[in-house]
Protein backbone atom coordinates (compact mmCIF):
# COMPACT_ATOMS: atom_id res chain seq x y z
CA UNK A 1 -18.10 10.61 -8.48
CA UNK A 2 -15.83 8.96 -11.06
CA UNK A 3 -16.96 5.55 -12.34
CA UNK A 4 -15.74 3.21 -15.08
CA UNK A 5 -19.33 2.55 -16.16
CA UNK A 6 -22.88 3.05 -14.96
CA UNK A 7 -23.20 1.34 -11.55
CA UNK A 8 -25.59 -1.62 -11.44
CA UNK A 9 -28.60 -1.89 -9.18
CA UNK A 10 -26.82 -3.35 -6.16
CA UNK A 11 -29.91 -3.17 -3.98
CA UNK A 12 -32.95 -4.50 -5.85
CA UNK A 13 -35.08 -4.32 -2.73
CA UNK A 14 -34.95 -2.61 0.64
CA UNK A 15 -33.73 -5.70 2.47
CA UNK A 16 -30.64 -6.44 0.36
CA UNK A 17 -27.30 -6.53 2.18
CA UNK A 18 -24.14 -6.61 0.09
CA UNK A 19 -20.82 -7.88 1.53
CA UNK A 20 -18.15 -5.20 1.49
CA UNK A 21 -14.50 -6.26 1.59
CA UNK A 22 -12.35 -3.47 3.02
CA UNK A 23 -8.79 -3.19 1.70
CA UNK A 24 -5.96 -0.83 2.61
CA UNK A 25 -5.51 1.28 -0.53
CA UNK A 26 -1.81 1.75 0.19
CA UNK A 27 -0.62 -1.74 1.13
CA UNK A 28 -3.34 -3.92 -0.38
CA UNK A 29 -3.97 -5.63 2.95
CA UNK A 30 -7.52 -6.84 3.57
CA UNK A 31 -8.70 -5.18 6.78
CA UNK A 32 -12.23 -6.44 7.42
CA UNK A 33 -15.53 -7.52 5.90
CA UNK A 34 -18.85 -5.85 6.60
CA UNK A 35 -22.26 -5.47 5.00
CA UNK A 36 -23.87 -2.49 3.33
CA UNK A 37 -27.41 -1.65 2.36
CA UNK A 38 -28.37 1.26 0.15
CA UNK A 39 -28.40 3.73 3.06
CA UNK A 40 -24.97 2.60 4.29
CA UNK A 41 -23.49 3.04 0.83
CA UNK A 42 -25.10 6.47 0.43
CA UNK A 43 -23.77 7.60 3.80
CA UNK A 44 -20.30 6.26 2.97
CA UNK A 45 -20.26 8.22 -0.28
CA UNK A 46 -21.69 11.31 1.38
CA UNK A 47 -19.33 11.47 4.37
CA UNK A 48 -16.18 9.85 2.98
CA UNK A 49 -16.08 7.51 5.98
CA UNK A 50 -17.04 3.86 5.58
CA UNK A 51 -20.43 3.02 7.05
CA UNK A 52 -21.97 -0.44 7.28
CA UNK A 53 -25.31 -1.88 8.27
CA UNK A 54 -24.70 -3.71 11.53
CA UNK A 55 -26.72 -6.90 11.71
CA UNK A 56 -26.16 -7.19 15.47
CA UNK A 57 -27.14 -3.57 16.19
CA UNK A 58 -29.78 -3.52 13.43
CA UNK A 59 -28.74 -0.02 12.37
CA UNK A 60 -26.20 1.92 10.35
CA UNK A 61 -22.76 1.83 11.92
CA UNK A 62 -19.81 4.00 10.94
CA UNK A 63 -16.52 2.21 11.58
CA UNK A 64 -14.67 4.23 14.21
CA UNK A 65 -17.70 6.04 15.62
CA UNK A 66 -16.68 5.05 19.16
CA UNK A 67 -12.93 4.35 18.78
CA UNK A 68 -12.01 7.14 16.37
CA UNK A 69 -10.40 4.55 14.09
CA UNK A 70 -12.24 5.59 10.95
CA UNK A 71 -11.86 4.18 7.47
CA UNK A 72 -11.37 7.10 5.11
CA UNK A 73 -12.85 6.22 1.72
CA UNK A 74 -10.57 6.18 -1.33
CA UNK A 75 -12.46 4.10 -3.87
CA UNK A 76 -15.32 1.61 -4.23
CA UNK A 77 -15.54 -1.14 -6.84
CA UNK A 78 -18.16 -3.80 -7.52
CA UNK A 79 -17.63 -7.36 -8.70
CA UNK A 80 -18.71 -8.93 -12.00
CA UNK A 81 -21.96 -10.30 -10.52
CA UNK A 82 -22.82 -6.98 -8.83
CA UNK A 83 -23.32 -8.71 -5.50
CA UNK A 84 -20.20 -7.65 -3.59
CA UNK A 85 -18.18 -4.47 -3.05
CA UNK A 86 -14.47 -3.82 -2.70
CA UNK A 87 -13.88 -0.75 -0.54
CA UNK A 88 -10.40 0.81 -0.73
CA UNK A 89 -9.61 2.92 2.31
CA UNK A 90 -7.03 4.84 4.27
CA UNK A 91 -7.35 3.46 7.82
CA UNK A 92 -6.99 5.80 10.77
CA UNK A 93 -5.49 3.55 13.43
CA UNK A 94 -6.05 -0.21 13.78
CA UNK A 95 -9.16 -1.58 12.12
CA UNK A 96 -9.89 -4.54 14.39
CA UNK A 97 -11.51 -3.95 17.78
CA UNK A 98 -8.76 -6.16 19.27
CA UNK A 99 -6.19 -3.52 18.34
CA UNK A 100 -4.64 -5.26 15.33
CA UNK A 101 -4.27 -3.64 11.93
CA UNK A 102 -6.60 -6.17 10.31
CA UNK A 103 -9.42 -8.35 11.62
CA UNK A 104 -7.58 -11.24 9.94
CA UNK A 105 -4.23 -10.73 11.71
CA UNK A 106 -3.03 -13.70 13.75
CA UNK A 107 -5.79 -15.99 12.51
CA UNK A 108 -4.16 -18.17 9.86
CA UNK A 109 -6.06 -21.36 9.13
CA UNK A 110 -3.62 -22.59 6.45
CA UNK A 111 -0.51 -21.25 4.76
CA UNK A 112 1.53 -22.84 2.01
CA UNK A 113 5.20 -22.61 2.91
CA UNK A 114 6.86 -19.65 1.25
CA UNK A 115 3.55 -18.09 0.18
CA UNK A 116 3.56 -15.00 2.39
CA UNK A 117 2.05 -12.04 0.47
CA UNK A 118 4.70 -9.64 -0.83
CA UNK A 119 3.11 -6.61 0.81
CA UNK A 120 3.27 -8.31 4.21
CA UNK A 121 6.98 -8.98 3.72
CA UNK A 122 7.58 -5.31 2.91
CA UNK A 123 5.41 -4.10 5.79
CA UNK A 124 7.18 -6.39 8.25
CA UNK A 125 10.60 -5.29 7.04
CA UNK A 126 9.60 -1.62 7.22
CA UNK A 127 8.36 -2.16 10.78
CA UNK A 128 11.69 -3.72 11.81
CA UNK A 129 13.58 -0.80 10.27
CA UNK A 130 11.30 1.66 12.08
CA UNK A 131 11.97 -0.09 15.38
CA UNK A 132 15.73 0.07 14.84
CA UNK A 133 15.60 3.88 14.98
CA UNK A 134 15.41 3.72 18.77
CA UNK A 135 18.26 1.25 19.17
CA UNK A 136 21.88 1.99 19.95
CA UNK A 137 23.93 2.61 16.78
CA UNK A 138 26.71 0.49 18.23
CA UNK A 139 24.48 -2.58 18.15
CA UNK A 140 22.52 -2.04 14.95
CA UNK A 141 23.63 -1.58 11.35
CA UNK A 142 20.27 -0.06 10.46
CA UNK A 143 20.40 2.31 13.41
CA UNK A 144 23.79 3.57 12.23
CA UNK A 145 22.36 4.24 8.76
CA UNK A 146 19.35 6.04 10.23
CA UNK A 147 21.18 8.26 12.72
CA UNK A 148 24.72 8.46 11.35
CA UNK A 149 26.16 10.58 8.55
CA UNK A 150 24.02 10.65 5.42
CA UNK A 151 27.10 9.82 3.40
CA UNK A 152 27.12 6.25 4.77
CA UNK A 153 23.59 5.59 3.52
CA UNK A 154 24.22 7.32 0.20
CA UNK A 155 27.34 5.22 -0.29
CA UNK A 156 25.33 2.03 0.24
CA UNK A 157 22.70 3.12 -2.31
CA UNK A 158 25.38 3.75 -4.92
CA UNK A 159 27.16 0.51 -4.04
CA UNK A 160 24.04 -1.66 -4.30
CA UNK A 161 22.97 0.01 -7.56
CA UNK A 162 26.38 -0.70 -9.05
CA UNK A 163 26.21 -4.33 -7.99
CA UNK A 164 22.86 -4.69 -9.75
CA UNK A 165 24.38 -3.28 -12.94
CA UNK A 166 27.27 -5.71 -12.69
CA UNK A 167 24.96 -8.69 -12.07
CA UNK A 168 22.75 -7.78 -15.03
CA UNK A 169 25.84 -7.36 -17.22
CA UNK A 170 27.03 -10.81 -16.19
CA UNK A 171 23.51 -12.21 -16.76
CA UNK A 172 23.62 -13.78 -13.31
CA UNK A 173 19.91 -13.82 -12.42
CA UNK A 174 20.46 -15.22 -8.92
CA UNK A 175 22.80 -12.32 -8.20
CA UNK A 176 20.35 -9.87 -9.76
CA UNK A 177 17.60 -11.01 -7.37
CA UNK A 178 19.95 -10.85 -4.41
CA UNK A 179 21.30 -7.40 -5.26
CA UNK A 180 17.80 -6.08 -5.96
CA UNK A 181 16.74 -7.28 -2.52
CA UNK A 182 19.75 -5.48 -1.01
CA UNK A 183 18.88 -2.28 -2.84
CA UNK A 184 15.21 -2.48 -1.84
CA UNK A 185 16.25 -2.97 1.77
CA UNK A 186 18.42 0.15 1.68
CA UNK A 187 15.66 2.07 -0.11
CA UNK A 188 13.35 1.20 2.80
CA UNK A 189 15.98 2.49 5.20
CA UNK A 190 16.20 5.67 3.11
CA UNK A 191 12.42 6.07 3.22
CA UNK A 192 12.43 5.76 6.99
CA UNK A 193 15.24 8.29 7.34
CA UNK A 194 13.65 10.82 4.99
CA UNK A 195 10.04 10.29 6.07
CA UNK A 196 8.93 9.29 2.58
CA UNK A 197 6.01 6.82 2.59
CA UNK A 198 5.05 4.21 0.00
CA UNK A 199 1.76 5.89 -0.80
CA UNK A 200 3.52 9.07 -1.92
CA UNK A 201 5.91 7.10 -4.13
CA UNK A 202 3.00 5.17 -5.66
CA UNK A 203 1.16 8.45 -6.22
CA UNK A 204 4.19 9.77 -8.08
CA UNK A 205 4.17 6.70 -10.33
CA UNK A 206 0.43 7.08 -10.88
CA UNK A 207 0.91 10.69 -11.92
CA UNK A 208 3.56 9.62 -14.42
CA UNK A 209 1.48 6.87 -16.01
CA UNK A 210 -1.90 8.59 -15.91
CA UNK A 211 -3.14 11.35 -18.20
CA UNK A 212 -0.37 10.76 -20.69
CA UNK A 213 2.34 11.29 -18.07
CA UNK A 214 4.43 8.32 -19.17
CA UNK A 215 4.27 9.30 -22.84
CA UNK A 216 5.23 12.88 -21.98
CA UNK A 217 8.18 11.68 -19.92
CA UNK A 218 9.40 9.45 -22.75
CA UNK A 219 9.11 12.36 -25.19
CA UNK A 220 11.19 14.54 -22.89
CA UNK A 221 13.84 11.83 -22.63
CA UNK A 222 14.00 11.54 -26.41
CA UNK A 223 14.63 15.27 -26.70
CA UNK A 224 17.53 15.22 -24.23
CA UNK A 225 20.91 15.29 -25.98
CA UNK A 226 23.01 12.16 -25.69
CA UNK A 227 26.46 13.15 -24.41
CA UNK A 228 28.00 10.27 -26.39
CA UNK A 229 26.59 11.54 -29.68
CA UNK A 230 28.37 14.08 -31.78
CA UNK A 231 26.59 17.44 -32.25
């Protein structure tokens, strides 16, 4: 078990229950909140599947034990007061018993206009793109990019990248934002077409920045000859 420091005594007595906030390790979305005692935490660490102490059942309860919608453990963190846990997971199926991805979906008490979390915007856009795969290419631009010649999608990637370069050169920040949004949209289409998922891209970035990966990459770039320089 890898830890940043020695874990505190989260359970000073046998009756202590600690709230555990469950978060999707890939998207950052909060999925549910449960409670753990020492036995629930030990079982979670031992099995790799999140287990809580159910106050209504008065026993240990592994999420997904009846539905099959388990929460595969990725990481556990504790807060500064050592009285709450953050549990990062890979969900298998919907987390909520109602069938939604999160127990908080569709239950907004208040939202400031324009304050939608960024990951929800990306998830929603990715879901729309995924749905377009089944539509008729004649009626959907995205469907044409997903099922048509690869050259059409590749052309759009090059085109949008070039427009970003031009906007940055002109120092037009409004255009830079707009063109970056266009490129990100077409990258999402590319991910859907190729089957690449965000988690694998993030893992690639983690590998580059961790264990000296970023420094090694920069060193390799420095060693590459510059075609504009004379030998």
